[in-house]
């Protein structure tokens, strides 16, 4: 299998700019980067719109909807919007904007979308139980020289490598 390098972006330059972005986030917002808080705020905003009475009575949701700003006006929501639209714009500029479903050849589109939905829900639950997402742990944790950031980096990449090694045949197996 041949690994294709990205001819548009140098990963070292991108890492340098990501580091500058984390410094700017700490300076301007007083917090590091992460995505789970933004997803949480969007979900809470939807709950507040659909069932405001429930939102104000729920112990987890109420503190977020009773604040002065409201859940949809946190900087994390705008960070998410920037990531989504930035990715779309970048893909369009460099000719990579394609509407496809990445999957193994032996899995149907429907099954892949169901599995992605289940994985997303589990990720959302896990990030709230763990009080944040892996990117926030590693990027923001290491930016403040926290031991948990370094341990998180080792655990994430270590388990990622292990699971990729174990499950790679599920992805490349072409048998039905």
C-alpha atoms as a PDB file:
ATOM      1  CA  UNK A   1       0.000   0.000   0.000  1.00  0.00           C
ATOM      2  CA  UNK A   2       1.468   3.347  -1.051  1.00  0.00           C
ATOM      3  CA  UNK A   3       1.069   6.306   1.297  1.00  0.00           C
ATOM      4  CA  UNK A   4       0.284   9.506  -0.547  1.00  0.00           C
ATOM      5  CA  UNK A   5       1.675  12.724   0.894  1.00  0.00           C
ATOM      6  CA  UNK A   6      -0.401  15.883   0.959  1.00  0.00           C
ATOM      7  CA  UNK A   7       1.154  18.196  -1.624  1.00  0.00           C
ATOM      8  CA  UNK A   8      -0.646  21.284  -0.321  1.00  0.00           C
ATOM      9  CA  UNK A   9       0.193  21.526   3.369  1.00  0.00           C
ATOM     10  CA  UNK A  10       3.382  20.778   5.239  1.00  0.00           C
ATOM     11  CA  UNK A  11       2.404  19.029   8.480  1.00  0.00           C
ATOM     12  CA  UNK A  12       5.176  20.795  10.425  1.00  0.00           C
ATOM     13  CA  UNK A  13       3.905  24.206   9.346  1.00  0.00           C
ATOM     14  CA  UNK A  14       0.321  23.192  10.188  1.00  0.00           C
ATOM     15  CA  UNK A  15       1.453  22.004  13.642  1.00  0.00           C
ATOM     16  CA  UNK A  16       3.254  25.296  14.239  1.00  0.00           C
ATOM     17  CA  UNK A  17       0.120  27.285  13.359  1.00  0.00           C
ATOM     18  CA  UNK A  18      -2.006  24.985  15.542  1.00  0.00           C
ATOM     19  CA  UNK A  19       0.325  25.752  18.439  1.00  0.00           C
ATOM     20  CA  UNK A  20      -0.077  29.493  17.794  1.00  0.00           C
ATOM     21  CA  UNK A  21      -3.842  29.019  17.703  1.00  0.00           C
ATOM     22  CA  UNK A  22      -3.803  27.326  21.109  1.00  0.00           C
ATOM     23  CA  UNK A  23      -1.755  30.179  22.560  1.00  0.00           C
ATOM     24  CA  UNK A  24      -4.248  32.674  21.088  1.00  0.00           C
ATOM     25  CA  UNK A  25      -7.174  30.673  22.526  1.00  0.00           C
ATOM     26  CA  UNK A  26      -5.659  30.791  26.007  1.00  0.00           C
ATOM     27  CA  UNK A  27      -4.882  34.488  25.673  1.00  0.00           C
ATOM     28  CA  UNK A  28      -8.233  35.650  24.288  1.00  0.00           C
ATOM     29  CA  UNK A  29     -10.695  33.090  25.716  1.00  0.00           C
ATOM     30  CA  UNK A  30      -8.885  31.865  28.801  1.00  0.00           C
ATOM     31  CA  UNK A  31      -9.384  28.237  27.704  1.00  0.00           C
ATOM     32  CA  UNK A  32      -7.734  25.759  25.383  1.00  0.00           C
ATOM     33  CA  UNK A  33      -9.154  24.180  22.255  1.00  0.00           C
ATOM     34  CA  UNK A  34     -11.592  21.304  22.108  1.00  0.00           C
ATOM     35  CA  UNK A  35     -14.754  20.372  20.282  1.00  0.00           C
ATOM     36  CA  UNK A  36     -16.959  18.539  22.767  1.00  0.00           C
ATOM     37  CA  UNK A  37     -18.028  21.692  24.591  1.00  0.00           C
ATOM     38  CA  UNK A  38     -19.298  23.199  21.345  1.00  0.00           C
ATOM     39  CA  UNK A  39     -21.329  20.119  20.507  1.00  0.00           C
ATOM     40  CA  UNK A  40     -22.701  20.130  24.055  1.00  0.00           C
ATOM     41  CA  UNK A  41     -23.716  23.786  23.723  1.00  0.00           C
ATOM     42  CA  UNK A  42     -25.476  23.147  20.402  1.00  0.00           C
ATOM     43  CA  UNK A  43     -27.346  20.160  21.888  1.00  0.00           C
ATOM     44  CA  UNK A  44     -28.372  22.236  24.908  1.00  0.00           C
ATOM     45  CA  UNK A  45     -29.534  25.051  22.604  1.00  0.00           C
ATOM     46  CA  UNK A  46     -31.687  22.592  20.659  1.00  0.00           C
ATOM     47  CA  UNK A  47     -33.134  21.163  23.887  1.00  0.00           C
ATOM     48  CA  UNK A  48     -33.915  24.682  25.103  1.00  0.00           C
ATOM     49  CA  UNK A  49     -35.666  25.494  21.812  1.00  0.00           C
ATOM     50  CA  UNK A  50     -37.686  22.268  21.644  1.00  0.00           C
ATOM     51  CA  UNK A  51     -38.498  21.829  25.359  1.00  0.00           C
ATOM     52  CA  UNK A  52     -37.666  25.000  27.330  1.00  0.00           C
ATOM     53  CA  UNK A  53     -39.512  23.874  30.464  1.00  0.00           C
ATOM     54  CA  UNK A  54     -37.511  20.651  30.601  1.00  0.00           C
ATOM     55  CA  UNK A  55     -34.274  22.562  29.917  1.00  0.00           C
ATOM     56  CA  UNK A  56     -34.806  24.856  32.882  1.00  0.00           C
ATOM     57  CA  UNK A  57     -35.599  21.928  35.228  1.00  0.00           C
ATOM     58  CA  UNK A  58     -32.798  19.562  34.164  1.00  0.00           C
ATOM     59  CA  UNK A  59     -29.808  19.676  36.513  1.00  0.00           C
ATOM     60  CA  UNK A  60     -27.243  19.388  33.684  1.00  0.00           C
ATOM     61  CA  UNK A  61     -28.903  21.677  31.132  1.00  0.00           C
ATOM     62  CA  UNK A  62     -30.279  24.426  33.426  1.00  0.00           C
ATOM     63  CA  UNK A  63     -26.967  26.115  34.319  1.00  0.00           C
ATOM     64  CA  UNK A  64     -26.223  26.565  30.610  1.00  0.00           C
ATOM     65  CA  UNK A  65     -29.609  27.972  29.598  1.00  0.00           C
ATOM     66  CA  UNK A  66     -29.918  30.244  32.621  1.00  0.00           C
ATOM     67  CA  UNK A  67     -26.644  32.043  31.907  1.00  0.00           C
ATOM     68  CA  UNK A  68     -26.610  35.556  30.452  1.00  0.00           C
ATOM     69  CA  UNK A  69     -25.156  34.496  27.083  1.00  0.00           C
ATOM     70  CA  UNK A  70     -27.105  31.303  26.477  1.00  0.00           C
ATOM     71  CA  UNK A  71     -25.594  28.100  25.118  1.00  0.00           C
ATOM     72  CA  UNK A  72     -25.540  29.083  21.425  1.00  0.00           C
ATOM     73  CA  UNK A  73     -23.388  32.158  21.966  1.00  0.00           C
ATOM     74  CA  UNK A  74     -20.318  30.554  23.491  1.00  0.00           C
ATOM     75  CA  UNK A  75     -17.022  30.825  21.667  1.00  0.00           C
ATOM     76  CA  UNK A  76     -16.918  27.021  21.295  1.00  0.00           C
ATOM     77  CA  UNK A  77     -19.986  27.102  19.025  1.00  0.00           C
ATOM     78  CA  UNK A  78     -18.239  29.645  16.821  1.00  0.00           C
ATOM     79  CA  UNK A  79     -15.097  27.503  16.881  1.00  0.00           C
ATOM     80  CA  UNK A  80     -17.167  24.574  15.563  1.00  0.00           C
ATOM     81  CA  UNK A  81     -18.684  26.729  12.834  1.00  0.00           C
ATOM     82  CA  UNK A  82     -15.197  27.871  11.858  1.00  0.00           C
ATOM     83  CA  UNK A  83     -13.940  24.290  11.678  1.00  0.00           C
ATOM     84  CA  UNK A  84     -16.896  23.140   9.578  1.00  0.00           C
ATOM     85  CA  UNK A  85     -16.897  26.050   7.141  1.00  0.00           C
ATOM     86  CA  UNK A  86     -13.097  26.229   7.070  1.00  0.00           C
ATOM     87  CA  UNK A  87     -12.928  22.560   6.081  1.00  0.00           C
ATOM     88  CA  UNK A  88     -15.548  23.062   3.345  1.00  0.00           C
ATOM     89  CA  UNK A  89     -13.762  26.124   1.968  1.00  0.00           C
ATOM     90  CA  UNK A  90     -10.350  24.416   2.067  1.00  0.00           C
ATOM     91  CA  UNK A  91     -11.705  21.305   0.332  1.00  0.00           C
ATOM     92  CA  UNK A  92     -13.370  23.427  -2.347  1.00  0.00           C
ATOM     93  CA  UNK A  93     -10.230  25.517  -2.984  1.00  0.00           C
ATOM     94  CA  UNK A  94      -7.970  22.475  -3.332  1.00  0.00           C
ATOM     95  CA  UNK A  95     -10.420  20.375  -5.360  1.00  0.00           C
ATOM     96  CA  UNK A  96     -11.110  17.799  -2.632  1.00  0.00           C
ATOM     97  CA  UNK A  97     -14.781  18.576  -2.038  1.00  0.00           C
ATOM     98  CA  UNK A  98     -16.526  15.309  -2.831  1.00  0.00           C
ATOM     99  CA  UNK A  99     -19.700  13.938  -1.294  1.00  0.00           C
ATOM    100  CA  UNK A 100     -18.757  10.337  -0.606  1.00  0.00           C
ATOM    101  CA  UNK A 101     -19.061   7.924   2.281  1.00  0.00           C
ATOM    102  CA  UNK A 102     -15.716   6.514   3.358  1.00  0.00           C
ATOM    103  CA  UNK A 103     -16.168   2.840   4.116  1.00  0.00           C
ATOM    104  CA  UNK A 104     -14.834  -0.635   3.590  1.00  0.00           C
ATOM    105  CA  UNK A 105     -15.875  -2.247   0.304  1.00  0.00           C
ATOM    106  CA  UNK A 106     -17.984  -4.936   2.010  1.00  0.00           C
ATOM    107  CA  UNK A 107     -20.072  -2.538   4.156  1.00  0.00           C
ATOM    108  CA  UNK A 108     -23.193  -0.889   2.771  1.00  0.00           C
ATOM    109  CA  UNK A 109     -23.678   2.870   2.931  1.00  0.00           C
ATOM    110  CA  UNK A 110     -26.633   2.429   5.282  1.00  0.00           C
ATOM    111  CA  UNK A 111     -24.646   0.254   7.701  1.00  0.00           C
ATOM    112  CA  UNK A 112     -21.695   2.685   7.605  1.00  0.00           C
ATOM    113  CA  UNK A 113     -23.953   5.644   8.429  1.00  0.00           C
ATOM    114  CA  UNK A 114     -25.605   3.732  11.293  1.00  0.00           C
ATOM    115  CA  UNK A 115     -22.193   2.805  12.692  1.00  0.00           C
ATOM    116  CA  UNK A 116     -21.025   6.424  12.361  1.00  0.00           C
ATOM    117  CA  UNK A 117     -24.133   7.615  14.216  1.00  0.00           C
ATOM    118  CA  UNK A 118     -23.624   5.078  17.008  1.00  0.00           C
ATOM    119  CA  UNK A 119     -19.946   6.038  17.243  1.00  0.00           C
ATOM    120  CA  UNK A 120     -20.835   9.722  17.384  1.00  0.00           C
ATOM    121  CA  UNK A 121     -23.347   9.196  20.160  1.00  0.00           C
ATOM    122  CA  UNK A 122     -20.850   7.118  22.149  1.00  0.00           C
ATOM    123  CA  UNK A 123     -18.198   9.815  21.588  1.00  0.00           C
ATOM    124  CA  UNK A 124     -20.599  12.472  22.861  1.00  0.00           C
ATOM    125  CA  UNK A 125     -21.436  10.502  25.981  1.00  0.00           C
ATOM    126  CA  UNK A 126     -17.785   9.693  26.610  1.00  0.00           C
ATOM    127  CA  UNK A 127     -16.655  13.297  26.255  1.00  0.00           C
ATOM    128  CA  UNK A 128     -19.180  14.428  28.824  1.00  0.00           C
ATOM    129  CA  UNK A 129     -18.287  11.615  31.238  1.00  0.00           C
ATOM    130  CA  UNK A 130     -14.588  12.374  30.730  1.00  0.00           C
ATOM    131  CA  UNK A 131     -15.170  16.143  30.954  1.00  0.00           C
ATOM    132  CA  UNK A 132     -13.767  16.842  27.501  1.00  0.00           C
ATOM    133  CA  UNK A 133     -12.593  15.386  24.232  1.00  0.00           C
ATOM    134  CA  UNK A 134      -9.251  13.863  23.341  1.00  0.00           C
ATOM    135  CA  UNK A 135      -8.145  16.823  21.226  1.00  0.00           C
ATOM    136  CA  UNK A 136      -8.814  19.178  24.108  1.00  0.00           C
ATOM    137  CA  UNK A 137      -6.969  16.890  26.519  1.00  0.00           C
ATOM    138  CA  UNK A 138      -3.865  16.535  24.387  1.00  0.00           C
ATOM    139  CA  UNK A 139      -3.610  19.915  22.668  1.00  0.00           C
ATOM    140  CA  UNK A 140      -4.700  22.072  25.564  1.00  0.00           C
ATOM    141  CA  UNK A 141      -3.178  19.832  28.230  1.00  0.00           C
ATOM    142  CA  UNK A 142       0.237  19.784  26.607  1.00  0.00           C
ATOM    143  CA  UNK A 143       0.055  23.532  25.932  1.00  0.00           C
ATOM    144  CA  UNK A 144       0.012  24.139  29.695  1.00  0.00           C
ATOM    145  CA  UNK A 145       2.588  21.377  30.300  1.00  0.00           C
ATOM    146  CA  UNK A 146       0.093  19.163  32.129  1.00  0.00           C
ATOM    147  CA  UNK A 147       1.119  15.575  32.827  1.00  0.00           C
ATOM    148  CA  UNK A 148      -2.398  14.421  31.877  1.00  0.00           C
ATOM    149  CA  UNK A 149      -1.893  15.913  28.391  1.00  0.00           C
ATOM    150  CA  UNK A 150       1.236  13.826  27.827  1.00  0.00           C
ATOM    151  CA  UNK A 151      -0.340  10.670  29.254  1.00  0.00           C
ATOM    152  CA  UNK A 152      -3.393  11.307  27.075  1.00  0.00           C
ATOM    153  CA  UNK A 153      -1.199  11.634  23.974  1.00  0.00           C
ATOM    154  CA  UNK A 154       0.527   8.323  24.683  1.00  0.00           C
ATOM    155  CA  UNK A 155      -2.797   6.583  25.420  1.00  0.00           C
ATOM    156  CA  UNK A 156      -4.606   7.967  22.363  1.00  0.00           C
ATOM    157  CA  UNK A 157      -1.904   7.136  19.845  1.00  0.00           C
ATOM    158  CA  UNK A 158      -0.966   3.888  21.575  1.00  0.00           C
ATOM    159  CA  UNK A 159      -4.521   2.546  21.617  1.00  0.00           C
ATOM    160  CA  UNK A 160      -5.150   3.961  18.141  1.00  0.00           C
ATOM    161  CA  UNK A 161      -2.160   2.041  16.792  1.00  0.00           C
ATOM    162  CA  UNK A 162      -3.215  -1.100  18.649  1.00  0.00           C
ATOM    163  CA  UNK A 163      -6.821  -0.954  17.435  1.00  0.00           C
ATOM    164  CA  UNK A 164      -5.724  -0.160  13.871  1.00  0.00           C
ATOM    165  CA  UNK A 165      -3.457  -3.201  13.946  1.00  0.00           C
ATOM    166  CA  UNK A 166      -6.217  -5.441  15.317  1.00  0.00           C
ATOM    167  CA  UNK A 167      -9.127  -4.158  13.214  1.00  0.00           C
ATOM    168  CA  UNK A 168      -7.449  -3.337   9.893  1.00  0.00           C
ATOM    169  CA  UNK A 169      -8.645  -6.569   8.339  1.00  0.00           C
ATOM    170  CA  UNK A 170     -12.265  -5.518   8.953  1.00  0.00           C
ATOM    171  CA  UNK A 171     -11.650  -2.500   6.752  1.00  0.00           C
ATOM    172  CA  UNK A 172      -9.670  -4.073   3.918  1.00  0.00           C
ATOM    173  CA  UNK A 173     -11.487  -7.410   3.756  1.00  0.00           C
ATOM    174  CA  UNK A 174     -13.431  -7.488   0.477  1.00  0.00           C
ATOM    175  CA  UNK A 175     -15.385 -10.695   1.223  1.00  0.00           C
ATOM    176  CA  UNK A 176     -19.105 -10.379   1.981  1.00  0.00           C
END
